[in-house]
Amino acid sequence: MSSVIEHYRLKMTEDHSAFFEALGQRIATLRKAQNMTQGQLAEYLGISQQHMASF
């Protein structure tokens, strides 16, 4: 995992953590409704699958 991402994860409050967890669930729900895999969404967004999975 990127050291930058890890740095910010360590600084997150509970509120931030809850927000990003809910955001990740929403993205997963919408992605699945479109019958897309994480890999397909990552490719569409122009990011790596590993980066996509970290959210």
PDB file of N, CA and C in Angstrom:
ATOM      1  N   MET A   1       0.841  -1.176   0.000  1.00  0.00           N
ATOM      2  CA  MET A   1       0.000   0.000   0.000  1.00  0.00           C
ATOM      3  C   MET A   1       0.885   1.239   0.000  1.00  0.00           C
ATOM      4  N   SER A   2       0.440   2.245  -0.658  1.00  0.00           N
ATOM      5  CA  SER A   2       1.178   3.498  -0.750  1.00  0.00           C
ATOM      6  C   SER A   2       1.400   4.091   0.635  1.00  0.00           C
ATOM      7  N   SER A   3       2.604   4.599   0.864  1.00  0.00           N
ATOM      8  CA  SER A   3       2.893   5.225   2.160  1.00  0.00           C
ATOM      9  C   SER A   3       2.047   6.480   2.367  1.00  0.00           C
ATOM     10  N   VAL A   4       1.670   7.149   1.295  1.00  0.00           N
ATOM     11  CA  VAL A   4       0.821   8.338   1.400  1.00  0.00           C
ATOM     12  C   VAL A   4      -0.569   7.935   1.904  1.00  0.00           C
ATOM     13  N   ILE A   5      -1.117   6.885   1.327  1.00  0.00           N
ATOM     14  CA  ILE A   5      -2.436   6.408   1.753  1.00  0.00           C
ATOM     15  C   ILE A   5      -2.376   5.968   3.209  1.00  0.00           C
ATOM     16  N   GLU A   6      -1.348   5.226   3.562  1.00  0.00           N
ATOM     17  CA  GLU A   6      -1.197   4.755   4.940  1.00  0.00           C
ATOM     18  C   GLU A   6      -1.070   5.935   5.906  1.00  0.00           C
ATOM     19  N   HIS A   7      -0.354   6.962   5.510  1.00  0.00           N
ATOM     20  CA  HIS A   7      -0.193   8.158   6.335  1.00  0.00           C
ATOM     21  C   HIS A   7      -1.556   8.766   6.667  1.00  0.00           C
ATOM     22  N   TYR A   8      -2.417   8.918   5.665  1.00  0.00           N
ATOM     23  CA  TYR A   8      -3.713   9.523   5.896  1.00  0.00           C
ATOM     24  C   TYR A   8      -4.669   8.593   6.628  1.00  0.00           C
ATOM     25  N   ARG A   9      -4.545   7.288   6.418  1.00  0.00           N
ATOM     26  CA  ARG A   9      -5.376   6.338   7.161  1.00  0.00           C
ATOM     27  C   ARG A   9      -5.100   6.437   8.648  1.00  0.00           C
ATOM     28  N   LEU A  10      -3.857   6.638   9.017  1.00  0.00           N
ATOM     29  CA  LEU A  10      -3.497   6.740  10.423  1.00  0.00           C
ATOM     30  C   LEU A  10      -4.033   8.024  11.056  1.00  0.00           C
ATOM     31  N   LYS A  11      -4.262   9.062  10.256  1.00  0.00           N
ATOM     32  CA  LYS A  11      -4.738  10.353  10.761  1.00  0.00           C
ATOM     33  C   LYS A  11      -6.266  10.475  10.747  1.00  0.00           C
ATOM     34  N   MET A  12      -6.955   9.481  10.215  1.00  0.00           N
ATOM     35  CA  MET A  12      -8.406   9.553  10.105  1.00  0.00           C
ATOM     36  C   MET A  12      -9.087   9.459  11.463  1.00  0.00           C
ATOM     37  N   THR A  13     -10.115  10.264  11.618  1.00  0.00           N
ATOM     38  CA  THR A  13     -10.953  10.174  12.808  1.00  0.00           C
ATOM     39  C   THR A  13     -12.009   9.095  12.564  1.00  0.00           C
ATOM     40  N   GLU A  14     -12.775   8.777  13.592  1.00  0.00           N
ATOM     41  CA  GLU A  14     -13.865   7.815  13.424  1.00  0.00           C
ATOM     42  C   GLU A  14     -14.878   8.305  12.402  1.00  0.00           C
ATOM     43  N   ASP A  15     -15.163   9.614  12.413  1.00  0.00           N
ATOM     44  CA  ASP A  15     -16.116  10.180  11.447  1.00  0.00           C
ATOM     45  C   ASP A  15     -15.610  10.007  10.023  1.00  0.00           C
ATOM     46  N   HIS A  16     -14.337  10.287   9.808  1.00  0.00           N
ATOM     47  CA  HIS A  16     -13.759  10.111   8.473  1.00  0.00           C
ATOM     48  C   HIS A  16     -13.827   8.651   8.058  1.00  0.00           C
ATOM     49  N   SER A  17     -13.471   7.788   8.970  1.00  0.00           N
ATOM     50  CA  SER A  17     -13.476   6.357   8.680  1.00  0.00           C
ATOM     51  C   SER A  17     -14.880   5.888   8.292  1.00  0.00           C
ATOM     52  N   ALA A  18     -15.885   6.324   9.030  1.00  0.00           N
ATOM     53  CA  ALA A  18     -17.269   5.953   8.738  1.00  0.00           C
ATOM     54  C   ALA A  18     -17.700   6.498   7.374  1.00  0.00           C
ATOM     55  N   PHE A  19     -17.299   7.730   7.075  1.00  0.00           N
ATOM     56  CA  PHE A  19     -17.641   8.328   5.781  1.00  0.00           C
ATOM     57  C   PHE A  19     -17.063   7.508   4.637  1.00  0.00           C
ATOM     58  N   PHE A  20     -15.764   7.176   4.724  1.00  0.00           N
ATOM     59  CA  PHE A  20     -15.124   6.452   3.635  1.00  0.00           C
ATOM     60  C   PHE A  20     -15.614   5.010   3.530  1.00  0.00           C
ATOM     61  N   GLU A  21     -15.993   4.415   4.651  1.00  0.00           N
ATOM     62  CA  GLU A  21     -16.569   3.079   4.596  1.00  0.00           C
ATOM     63  C   GLU A  21     -17.907   3.109   3.868  1.00  0.00           C
ATOM     64  N   ALA A  22     -18.743   4.115   4.194  1.00  0.00           N
ATOM     65  CA  ALA A  22     -20.036   4.260   3.520  1.00  0.00           C
ATOM     66  C   ALA A  22     -19.845   4.569   2.033  1.00  0.00           C
ATOM     67  N   LEU A  23     -18.867   5.407   1.719  1.00  0.00           N
ATOM     68  CA  LEU A  23     -18.578   5.728   0.320  1.00  0.00           C
ATOM     69  C   LEU A  23     -18.161   4.470  -0.440  1.00  0.00           C
ATOM     70  N   GLY A  24     -17.292   3.673   0.157  1.00  0.00           N
ATOM     71  CA  GLY A  24     -16.855   2.431  -0.476  1.00  0.00           C
ATOM     72  C   GLY A  24     -18.012   1.473  -0.718  1.00  0.00           C
ATOM     73  N   GLN A  25     -18.920   1.394   0.251  1.00  0.00           N
ATOM     74  CA  GLN A  25     -20.100   0.536   0.080  1.00  0.00           C
ATOM     75  C   GLN A  25     -20.981   1.040  -1.058  1.00  0.00           C
ATOM     76  N   ARG A  26     -21.124   2.343  -1.151  1.00  0.00           N
ATOM     77  CA  ARG A  26     -21.953   2.933  -2.217  1.00  0.00           C
ATOM     78  C   ARG A  26     -21.334   2.671  -3.589  1.00  0.00           C
ATOM     79  N   ILE A  27     -20.019   2.851  -3.679  1.00  0.00           N
ATOM     80  CA  ILE A  27     -19.322   2.571  -4.941  1.00  0.00           C
ATOM     81  C   ILE A  27     -19.491   1.108  -5.319  1.00  0.00           C
ATOM     82  N   ALA A  28     -19.326   0.202  -4.340  1.00  0.00           N
ATOM     83  CA  ALA A  28     -19.468  -1.232  -4.616  1.00  0.00           C
ATOM     84  C   ALA A  28     -20.880  -1.562  -5.084  1.00  0.00           C
ATOM     85  N   THR A  29     -21.879  -0.975  -4.442  1.00  0.00           N
ATOM     86  CA  THR A  29     -23.269  -1.226  -4.825  1.00  0.00           C
ATOM     87  C   THR A  29     -23.531  -0.766  -6.257  1.00  0.00           C
ATOM     88  N   LEU A  30     -23.093   0.439  -6.584  1.00  0.00           N
ATOM     89  CA  LEU A  30     -23.299   0.965  -7.942  1.00  0.00           C
ATOM     90  C   LEU A  30     -22.509   0.179  -8.977  1.00  0.00           C
ATOM     91  N   ARG A  31     -21.280  -0.208  -8.621  1.00  0.00           N
ATOM     92  CA  ARG A  31     -20.444  -0.994  -9.532  1.00  0.00           C
ATOM     93  C   ARG A  31     -21.103  -2.336  -9.828  1.00  0.00           C
ATOM     94  N   LYS A  32     -21.588  -2.990  -8.782  1.00  0.00           N
ATOM     95  CA  LYS A  32     -22.232  -4.305  -8.952  1.00  0.00           C
ATOM     96  C   LYS A  32     -23.532  -4.190  -9.738  1.00  0.00           C
ATOM     97  N   ALA A  33     -24.259  -3.093  -9.560  1.00  0.00           N
ATOM     98  CA  ALA A  33     -25.501  -2.870 -10.319  1.00  0.00           C
ATOM     99  C   ALA A  33     -25.216  -2.761 -11.818  1.00  0.00           C
ATOM    100  N   GLN A  34     -23.993  -2.340 -12.147  1.00  0.00           N
ATOM    101  CA  GLN A  34     -23.580  -2.231 -13.554  1.00  0.00           C
ATOM    102  C   GLN A  34     -22.855  -3.494 -14.030  1.00  0.00           C
ATOM    103  N   ASN A  35     -22.836  -4.522 -13.163  1.00  0.00           N
ATOM    104  CA  ASN A  35     -22.149  -5.789 -13.467  1.00  0.00           C
ATOM    105  C   ASN A  35     -20.680  -5.568 -13.820  1.00  0.00           C
ATOM    106  N   MET A  36     -20.036  -4.693 -13.045  1.00  0.00           N
ATOM    107  CA  MET A  36     -18.617  -4.400 -13.253  1.00  0.00           C
ATOM    108  C   MET A  36     -17.800  -5.014 -12.119  1.00  0.00           C
ATOM    109  N   THR A  37     -16.613  -5.475 -12.451  1.00  0.00           N
ATOM    110  CA  THR A  37     -15.672  -5.928 -11.439  1.00  0.00           C
ATOM    111  C   THR A  37     -14.852  -4.733 -10.967  1.00  0.00           C
ATOM    112  N   GLN A  38     -14.122  -4.912  -9.859  1.00  0.00           N
ATOM    113  CA  GLN A  38     -13.229  -3.846  -9.401  1.00  0.00           C
ATOM    114  C   GLN A  38     -12.190  -3.548 -10.477  1.00  0.00           C
ATOM    115  N   GLY A  39     -11.708  -4.588 -11.130  1.00  0.00           N
ATOM    116  CA  GLY A  39     -10.717  -4.414 -12.189  1.00  0.00           C
ATOM    117  C   GLY A  39     -11.255  -3.593 -13.347  1.00  0.00           C
ATOM    118  N   GLN A  40     -12.481  -3.859 -13.755  1.00  0.00           N
ATOM    119  CA  GLN A  40     -13.091  -3.106 -14.851  1.00  0.00           C
ATOM    120  C   GLN A  40     -13.295  -1.640 -14.474  1.00  0.00           C
ATOM    121  N   LEU A  41     -13.744  -1.402 -13.247  1.00  0.00           N
ATOM    122  CA  LEU A  41     -13.933  -0.023 -12.804  1.00  0.00           C
ATOM    123  C   LEU A  41     -12.595   0.701 -12.716  1.00  0.00           C
ATOM    124  N   ALA A  42     -11.592   0.022 -12.214  1.00  0.00           N
ATOM    125  CA  ALA A  42     -10.253   0.620 -12.123  1.00  0.00           C
ATOM    126  C   ALA A  42      -9.745   0.999 -13.515  1.00  0.00           C
ATOM    127  N   GLU A  43      -9.922   0.096 -14.468  1.00  0.00           N
ATOM    128  CA  GLU A  43      -9.486   0.381 -15.841  1.00  0.00           C
ATOM    129  C   GLU A  43     -10.237   1.589 -16.400  1.00  0.00           C
ATOM    130  N   TYR A  44     -11.544   1.643 -16.174  1.00  0.00           N
ATOM    131  CA  TYR A  44     -12.358   2.756 -16.643  1.00  0.00           C
ATOM    132  C   TYR A  44     -11.876   4.076 -16.042  1.00  0.00           C
ATOM    133  N   LEU A  45     -11.484   4.041 -14.761  1.00  0.00           N
ATOM    134  CA  LEU A  45     -11.028   5.242 -14.066  1.00  0.00           C
ATOM    135  C   LEU A  45      -9.565   5.573 -14.336  1.00  0.00           C
ATOM    136  N   GLY A  46      -8.855   4.635 -14.958  1.00  0.00           N
ATOM    137  CA  GLY A  46      -7.446   4.868 -15.268  1.00  0.00           C
ATOM    138  C   GLY A  46      -6.530   4.720 -14.070  1.00  0.00           C
ATOM    139  N   ILE A  47      -6.914   3.843 -13.126  1.00  0.00           N
ATOM    140  CA  ILE A  47      -6.084   3.583 -11.953  1.00  0.00           C
ATOM    141  C   ILE A  47      -5.820   2.088 -11.861  1.00  0.00           C
ATOM    142  N   SER A  48      -4.875   1.698 -11.009  1.00  0.00           N
ATOM    143  CA  SER A  48      -4.582   0.278 -10.862  1.00  0.00           C
ATOM    144  C   SER A  48      -5.677  -0.411 -10.050  1.00  0.00           C
ATOM    145  N   GLN A  49      -5.805  -1.721 -10.249  1.00  0.00           N
ATOM    146  CA  GLN A  49      -6.783  -2.486  -9.492  1.00  0.00           C
ATOM    147  C   GLN A  49      -6.434  -2.465  -8.000  1.00  0.00           C
ATOM    148  N   GLN A  50      -5.138  -2.465  -7.688  1.00  0.00           N
ATOM    149  CA  GLN A  50      -4.711  -2.414  -6.289  1.00  0.00           C
ATOM    150  C   GLN A  50      -5.147  -1.095  -5.639  1.00  0.00           C
ATOM    151  N   HIS A  51      -5.021  -0.011  -6.391  1.00  0.00           N
ATOM    152  CA  HIS A  51      -5.449   1.298  -5.885  1.00  0.00           C
ATOM    153  C   HIS A  51      -6.955   1.290  -5.650  1.00  0.00           C
ATOM    154  N   MET A  52      -7.698   0.737  -6.596  1.00  0.00           N
ATOM    155  CA  MET A  52      -9.153   0.671  -6.486  1.00  0.00           C
ATOM    156  C   MET A  52      -9.547  -0.142  -5.262  1.00  0.00           C
ATOM    157  N   ALA A  53      -8.889  -1.249  -5.037  1.00  0.00           N
ATOM    158  CA  ALA A  53      -9.236  -2.122  -3.917  1.00  0.00           C
ATOM    159  C   ALA A  53      -8.930  -1.480  -2.569  1.00  0.00           C
ATOM    160  N   SER A  54      -8.034  -0.503  -2.547  1.00  0.00           N
ATOM    161  CA  SER A  54      -7.691   0.129  -1.275  1.00  0.00           C
ATOM    162  C   SER A  54      -8.801   1.046  -0.770  1.00  0.00           C
ATOM    163  N   PHE A  55      -9.788   1.327  -1.617  1.00  0.00           N
ATOM    164  CA  PHE A  55     -10.913   2.152  -1.200  1.00  0.00           C
ATOM    165  C   PHE A  55     -12.066   1.270  -0.889  1.00  0.00           C
TER     166      PHE A  55
END
